[in-house]
Amino acid sequence: MRHFLTLRDFTRDELREMIDLAIKIKAQTKAGEYVPYLKNQTLAMIFEKSSTRTRVSFETGIYQLGGTGLFLSSRDIQLGRGEPMKDTARVISRMVDMVMIRTFEQSKLEEFARYSRVPVINGLTDSYHPVQLMTDYLTMLEFGKSDPVVAYVGDGNNMAHSWLYLAAIMGFELRLATPKGYECDPAVVLEAERLAEKYGGKLIFGYDPVGAVQNADVVTTDTWVSMGQEEEKEKRIRDFAGFMVDKKLMSHAKPDAIFLHCLPAYRGYEVSEEVFEEHAEAIFTEAENRLHAQKGIMVWLDEHRDDNGESATC
């Protein structure tokens, strides 16, 4: 069964097919043409982690594709009262056509997918955020960065992990600069390096933000304090000193470089107010592209069902 759990589950051609669908559907949407690719289908959206962009983009996206979005907070369903994930999966997947989950542990998402009869999409876990990286790739293409050098400055978290897979599979250069003690998961790095060898990506790791940003086409970062890490806030702020993407750091990138941020952004921490506002057009195009990239993913998954209506085998 084809799910969208991590980028490593797909070939370069498959990811490009999703992006091409997103480009096509975005153009249709901008022209006021709403093609019902998913007519009368229902997307269940399970949220154990709250979100602005994820809920609005998926709910609007399925509506624009001719279907219906069903918001399910863990506080409102039996999952939040101790029902096993596998039982929730077996119930919900008999009633809907697709499921998006935004949760904490990747293992919970994968357990749901194992027992689901319909495609499951990762709306974010503590390990990966693949829909955001499809969004970022779409945005880079729109800003003319088809073969970019990307600098990621910050925490070696779920965003960094997904950047590693994207760069490895799509074959571009990614430089990661993290504070010591905040490196990416070694198992993810190992898998990303294997994929990079296969597809021609170039992955560079270090602790120097200036070196990472030098002559980069794209500079990106993420919040230093993710959901669930609030108790570590003061320590993280100290540990990430020198890792803010400010005007001085951006000056080392190419003159036409763009800055991307998955949002929400905390000015004065991971990015300065000046850099954020200077690159607001790219950032908010990126935010809008969550809608279009995710429509491409949903339509692709639907197109790869077998004749019985269930997802095709990988």
Protein backbone atom coordinates (compact mmCIF):
# COMPACT_ATOMS: atom_id res chain seq x y z
CA MET A 1 0.00 0.00 0.00
CA ARG A 2 1.29 3.46 -0.89
CA HIS A 3 1.34 5.89 1.99
CA PHE A 4 3.14 9.24 2.27
CA LEU A 5 5.12 8.76 5.47
CA THR A 6 8.64 9.88 4.51
CA LEU A 7 10.27 11.07 1.31
CA ARG A 8 12.62 8.08 1.28
CA ASP A 9 9.65 5.88 0.34
CA PHE A 10 9.57 7.37 -3.17
CA THR A 11 11.79 7.57 -6.21
CA ARG A 12 12.86 10.87 -7.75
CA ASP A 13 10.42 10.32 -10.62
CA GLU A 14 7.54 9.72 -8.23
CA LEU A 15 8.25 12.88 -6.25
CA ARG A 16 8.46 14.85 -9.49
CA GLU A 17 5.12 13.41 -10.57
CA MET A 18 3.57 14.77 -7.37
CA ILE A 19 5.22 18.16 -7.88
CA ASP A 20 4.07 18.29 -11.50
CA LEU A 21 0.53 17.54 -10.34
CA ALA A 22 0.83 20.33 -7.77
CA ILE A 23 2.01 22.78 -10.44
CA LYS A 24 -0.86 21.78 -12.73
CA ILE A 25 -3.52 21.97 -10.02
CA LYS A 26 -2.18 25.29 -8.72
CA ALA A 27 -2.42 26.79 -12.21
CA GLN A 28 -5.98 25.50 -12.51
CA THR A 29 -6.88 26.94 -9.12
CA LYS A 30 -5.41 30.35 -9.99
CA ALA A 31 -7.50 30.31 -13.17
CA GLY A 32 -10.63 29.64 -11.13
CA GLU A 33 -10.91 26.08 -12.41
CA TYR A 34 -11.62 23.63 -9.62
CA VAL A 35 -11.32 20.12 -11.04
CA PRO A 36 -12.99 17.53 -8.76
CA TYR A 37 -10.12 15.02 -8.80
CA LEU A 38 -11.32 13.60 -5.45
CA LYS A 39 -15.07 14.04 -5.91
CA ASN A 40 -17.13 12.84 -2.93
CA GLN A 41 -14.05 11.51 -1.12
CA THR A 42 -13.50 12.11 2.59
CA LEU A 43 -10.16 12.98 4.16
CA ALA A 44 -9.90 12.26 7.88
CA MET A 45 -7.46 14.66 9.55
CA ILE A 46 -6.19 13.41 12.92
CA PHE A 47 -4.42 16.02 15.04
CA GLU A 48 -2.45 15.11 18.15
CA LYS A 49 -0.36 18.23 17.49
CA SER A 50 -2.21 21.45 16.72
CA SER A 51 -1.44 23.49 13.60
CA THR A 52 -2.60 26.47 11.58
CA ARG A 53 -1.16 25.70 8.14
CA THR A 54 -1.67 21.95 8.21
CA ARG A 55 -5.36 22.10 9.07
CA VAL A 56 -6.26 24.98 6.75
CA SER A 57 -4.27 23.63 3.79
CA PHE A 58 -5.56 20.05 3.99
CA GLU A 59 -9.15 21.03 4.73
CA THR A 60 -9.22 23.62 1.96
CA GLY A 61 -7.33 21.32 -0.39
CA ILE A 62 -9.71 18.37 -0.13
CA TYR A 63 -12.67 20.77 -0.53
CA GLN A 64 -11.18 22.29 -3.69
CA LEU A 65 -10.63 18.77 -5.04
CA GLY A 66 -14.32 17.97 -4.63
CA GLY A 67 -14.16 16.11 -1.33
CA THR A 68 -14.77 16.71 2.37
CA GLY A 69 -12.33 17.16 5.24
CA LEU A 70 -13.12 15.69 8.67
CA PHE A 71 -11.19 17.30 11.56
CA LEU A 72 -10.46 14.83 14.38
CA SER A 73 -8.65 16.11 17.46
CA SER A 74 -7.18 13.45 19.72
CA ARG A 75 -9.10 15.18 22.53
CA ASP A 76 -12.37 14.40 20.76
CA ILE A 77 -11.89 10.78 19.67
CA GLN A 78 -11.19 7.54 21.51
CA LEU A 79 -7.52 7.67 20.51
CA GLY A 80 -7.08 10.35 23.16
CA ARG A 81 -8.72 8.08 25.74
CA GLY A 82 -6.43 5.12 25.28
CA GLU A 83 -7.80 3.26 22.26
CA PRO A 84 -4.92 1.46 20.50
CA MET A 85 -3.72 3.17 17.34
CA LYS A 86 -4.27 0.00 15.32
CA ASP A 87 -7.93 -0.15 16.36
CA THR A 88 -8.46 3.52 15.47
CA ALA A 89 -6.87 2.82 12.08
CA ARG A 90 -9.06 -0.20 11.41
CA VAL A 91 -12.22 1.74 12.25
CA ILE A 92 -11.53 5.05 10.53
CA SER A 93 -10.05 3.57 7.35
CA ARG A 94 -13.31 1.66 6.76
CA MET A 95 -15.24 4.93 6.69
CA VAL A 96 -13.03 7.40 4.79
CA ASP A 97 -10.94 7.49 1.62
CA MET A 98 -7.69 8.95 2.94
CA VAL A 99 -6.14 9.90 6.30
CA MET A 100 -3.74 12.65 7.32
CA ILE A 101 -2.11 12.40 10.75
CA ARG A 102 -0.14 15.04 12.65
CA THR A 103 1.36 13.40 15.71
CA PHE A 104 4.46 13.00 17.86
CA GLU A 105 6.14 9.61 17.36
CA GLN A 106 6.82 8.35 13.83
CA SER A 107 6.12 4.86 15.15
CA LYS A 108 2.50 5.78 15.89
CA LEU A 109 2.02 7.02 12.34
CA GLU A 110 3.59 3.87 10.92
CA GLU A 111 1.42 1.65 13.12
CA PHE A 112 -1.69 3.44 11.86
CA ALA A 113 -0.54 2.97 8.27
CA ARG A 114 0.08 -0.76 8.79
CA TYR A 115 -3.55 -1.27 9.77
CA SER A 116 -5.13 1.24 7.41
CA ARG A 117 -7.11 0.26 4.33
CA VAL A 118 -6.58 3.69 2.75
CA PRO A 119 -3.57 5.95 2.06
CA VAL A 120 -2.09 7.70 5.09
CA ILE A 121 -0.24 11.03 4.87
CA ASN A 122 2.29 12.29 7.39
CA GLY A 123 1.22 15.81 8.36
CA LEU A 124 4.21 16.00 10.74
CA THR A 125 5.92 13.81 13.31
CA ASP A 126 8.85 14.43 15.61
CA SER A 127 11.05 12.69 13.03
CA TYR A 128 9.86 14.00 9.65
CA HIS A 129 7.80 16.70 7.94
CA PRO A 130 7.65 15.48 4.31
CA VAL A 131 4.67 17.53 3.11
CA GLN A 132 6.55 20.69 4.08
CA LEU A 133 9.57 19.66 2.03
CA MET A 134 7.42 19.00 -1.03
CA THR A 135 6.13 22.52 -0.47
CA ASP A 136 9.64 23.92 -0.20
CA TYR A 137 10.73 22.16 -3.38
CA LEU A 138 7.74 23.55 -5.26
CA THR A 139 8.57 27.03 -3.95
CA MET A 140 12.22 26.76 -4.95
CA LEU A 141 11.20 25.81 -8.48
CA GLU A 142 8.87 28.79 -8.68
CA PHE A 143 11.70 31.11 -7.62
CA GLY A 144 14.06 29.68 -10.25
CA LYS A 145 16.09 27.47 -7.92
CA SER A 146 15.85 24.19 -9.83
CA ASP A 147 19.37 22.96 -8.97
CA PRO A 148 20.08 24.82 -5.75
CA VAL A 149 22.72 24.88 -3.08
CA VAL A 150 20.66 24.92 0.11
CA ALA A 151 21.93 25.92 3.54
CA TYR A 152 19.99 24.73 6.57
CA VAL A 153 21.00 26.51 9.77
CA GLY A 154 19.59 25.30 13.08
CA ASP A 155 18.33 22.23 14.87
CA GLY A 156 18.90 18.75 13.45
CA ASN A 157 15.20 18.02 13.82
CA ASN A 158 12.33 16.69 11.70
CA MET A 159 12.77 19.50 9.17
CA ALA A 160 16.50 18.83 8.84
CA HIS A 161 15.83 15.10 8.42
CA SER A 162 13.35 15.77 5.63
CA TRP A 163 15.72 18.23 3.94
CA LEU A 164 18.34 15.45 3.93
CA TYR A 165 16.01 13.07 2.12
CA LEU A 166 14.84 15.72 -0.35
CA ALA A 167 18.38 16.78 -1.28
CA ALA A 168 19.57 13.18 -1.52
CA ILE A 169 16.73 12.05 -3.80
CA MET A 170 16.42 15.17 -5.94
CA GLY A 171 20.19 15.39 -6.33
CA PHE A 172 21.11 18.84 -5.07
CA GLU A 173 23.63 20.11 -2.52
CA LEU A 174 22.53 20.56 1.09
CA ARG A 175 24.75 22.02 3.80
CA LEU A 176 23.60 21.61 7.39
CA ALA A 177 25.02 23.69 10.22
CA THR A 178 23.81 22.71 13.68
CA PRO A 179 25.08 23.51 17.17
CA LYS A 180 27.09 20.72 18.75
CA GLY A 181 24.73 18.33 20.48
CA TYR A 182 21.90 19.10 18.07
CA GLU A 183 23.03 17.04 15.08
CA CYS A 184 20.68 14.95 12.96
CA ASP A 185 19.82 11.39 13.92
CA PRO A 186 22.77 9.20 12.76
CA ALA A 187 20.41 6.57 11.35
CA VAL A 188 18.69 9.20 9.20
CA VAL A 189 22.06 10.54 8.06
CA LEU A 190 23.19 7.04 7.06
CA GLU A 191 20.03 6.43 5.03
CA ALA A 192 20.24 9.88 3.43
CA GLU A 193 23.85 9.27 2.42
CA ARG A 194 22.84 5.99 0.82
CA LEU A 195 20.14 7.77 -1.16
CA ALA A 196 22.55 10.58 -2.09
CA GLU A 197 24.98 8.03 -3.51
CA LYS A 198 22.17 6.56 -5.59
CA TYR A 199 20.73 9.84 -6.89
CA GLY A 200 23.71 12.18 -6.90
CA GLY A 201 22.85 14.44 -3.98
CA LYS A 202 25.58 16.11 -1.95
CA LEU A 203 25.23 16.32 1.84
CA ILE A 204 27.63 18.42 3.92
CA PHE A 205 27.53 18.56 7.73
CA GLY A 206 29.15 21.08 10.04
CA TYR A 207 28.83 23.52 12.91
CA ASP A 208 29.61 26.79 11.12
CA PRO A 209 26.59 28.78 9.84
CA VAL A 210 28.78 31.12 7.77
CA GLY A 211 30.46 28.24 5.97
CA ALA A 212 27.10 26.62 5.25
CA VAL A 213 25.55 29.81 3.85
CA GLN A 214 28.53 30.79 1.66
CA ASN A 215 27.24 31.29 -1.92
CA ALA A 216 24.03 29.40 -1.16
CA ASP A 217 20.96 29.82 -3.37
CA VAL A 218 18.52 29.07 -0.57
CA VAL A 219 18.87 29.60 3.18
CA THR A 220 16.40 27.99 5.57
CA THR A 221 15.90 27.31 9.24
CA ASP A 222 13.29 26.19 11.76
CA THR A 223 12.21 27.17 15.24
CA TRP A 224 14.71 26.34 17.96
CA VAL A 225 11.98 25.24 20.37
CA SER A 226 9.50 22.82 18.80
CA MET A 227 6.20 21.70 20.29
CA GLY A 228 6.91 19.57 23.34
CA GLN A 229 10.31 21.18 24.02
CA GLU A 230 9.08 24.21 25.97
CA GLU A 231 10.88 23.16 29.16
CA GLU A 232 14.19 23.30 27.27
CA LYS A 233 13.59 26.80 25.92
CA GLU A 234 16.18 28.77 27.91
CA LYS A 235 18.89 26.15 27.42
CA ARG A 236 18.18 25.96 23.69
CA ILE A 237 18.33 29.72 23.29
CA ARG A 238 21.79 29.70 24.89
CA ASP A 239 22.98 26.71 22.84
CA PHE A 240 21.81 28.26 19.55
CA ALA A 241 23.61 31.57 20.06
CA GLY A 242 25.17 32.58 16.73
CA PHE A 243 22.71 30.57 14.66
CA MET A 244 20.18 33.31 13.96
CA VAL A 245 19.72 33.97 10.25
CA ASP A 246 20.25 37.72 10.22
CA LYS A 247 21.36 40.24 7.62
CA LYS A 248 25.03 39.57 8.31
CA LEU A 249 24.66 35.82 7.83
CA MET A 250 22.51 36.24 4.69
CA SER A 251 25.20 38.50 3.20
CA HIS A 252 27.34 35.37 2.67
CA ALA A 253 24.70 33.81 0.41
CA LYS A 254 24.31 34.67 -3.27
CA PRO A 255 22.84 38.13 -3.93
CA ASP A 256 19.65 36.60 -5.33
CA ALA A 257 19.33 33.96 -2.59
CA ILE A 258 15.94 33.37 -1.01
CA PHE A 259 15.14 32.61 2.61
CA LEU A 260 12.51 30.01 3.49
CA HIS A 261 10.82 29.22 6.80
CA CYS A 262 8.09 26.63 7.44
CA LEU A 263 6.48 28.90 10.09
CA PRO A 264 5.65 29.89 12.72
CA ALA A 265 8.75 32.09 12.85
CA TYR A 266 10.09 33.58 16.06
CA ARG A 267 11.78 36.83 15.16
CA GLY A 268 14.88 37.56 17.18
CA TYR A 269 15.61 33.87 17.67
CA GLU A 270 16.13 31.72 14.56
CA VAL A 271 15.59 34.65 12.15
CA SER A 272 15.81 38.41 12.41
CA GLU A 273 12.85 40.68 11.71
CA GLU A 274 14.81 42.32 8.89
CA VAL A 275 15.56 39.07 7.04
CA PHE A 276 12.05 37.77 7.52
CA GLU A 277 10.39 40.88 6.09
CA GLU A 278 12.89 41.18 3.24
CA HIS A 279 12.02 37.62 2.15
CA ALA A 280 8.33 37.73 3.04
CA GLU A 281 7.21 37.10 -0.55
CA ALA A 282 9.11 33.79 -0.71
CA ILE A 283 8.04 32.80 2.81
CA PHE A 284 4.35 33.38 2.27
CA THR A 285 4.41 31.85 -1.20
CA GLU A 286 5.91 28.86 0.57
CA ALA A 287 3.08 28.94 3.12
CA GLU A 288 0.45 29.06 0.36
CA ASN A 289 2.15 26.22 -1.46
CA ARG A 290 1.29 23.85 1.39
CA LEU A 291 -2.19 23.91 -0.15
CA HIS A 292 -1.04 23.12 -3.66
CA ALA A 293 1.73 20.62 -2.86
CA GLN A 294 -0.60 18.60 -0.65
CA LYS A 295 -3.27 18.53 -3.35
CA GLY A 296 -0.65 17.04 -5.66
CA ILE A 297 0.20 14.40 -3.07
CA MET A 298 -3.43 13.47 -2.43
CA VAL A 299 -4.28 13.20 -6.13
CA TRP A 300 -1.14 11.12 -6.79
CA LEU A 301 -2.01 8.69 -3.99
CA ASP A 302 -5.56 8.41 -5.31
CA GLU A 303 -4.32 7.75 -8.84
CA HIS A 304 -2.17 4.88 -7.57
CA ARG A 305 -4.97 2.87 -6.01
CA ASP A 306 -5.59 -0.62 -7.36
CA ASP A 307 -8.82 -1.75 -9.01
CA ASN A 308 -10.35 -2.62 -5.63
CA GLY A 309 -10.06 0.95 -4.41
CA GLU A 310 -7.15 0.29 -2.07
CA SER A 311 -3.66 1.70 -2.46
CA ALA A 312 -1.33 0.00 -4.92
CA THR A 313 1.55 -2.10 -3.62
CA CYS A 314 4.95 -0.39 -3.49
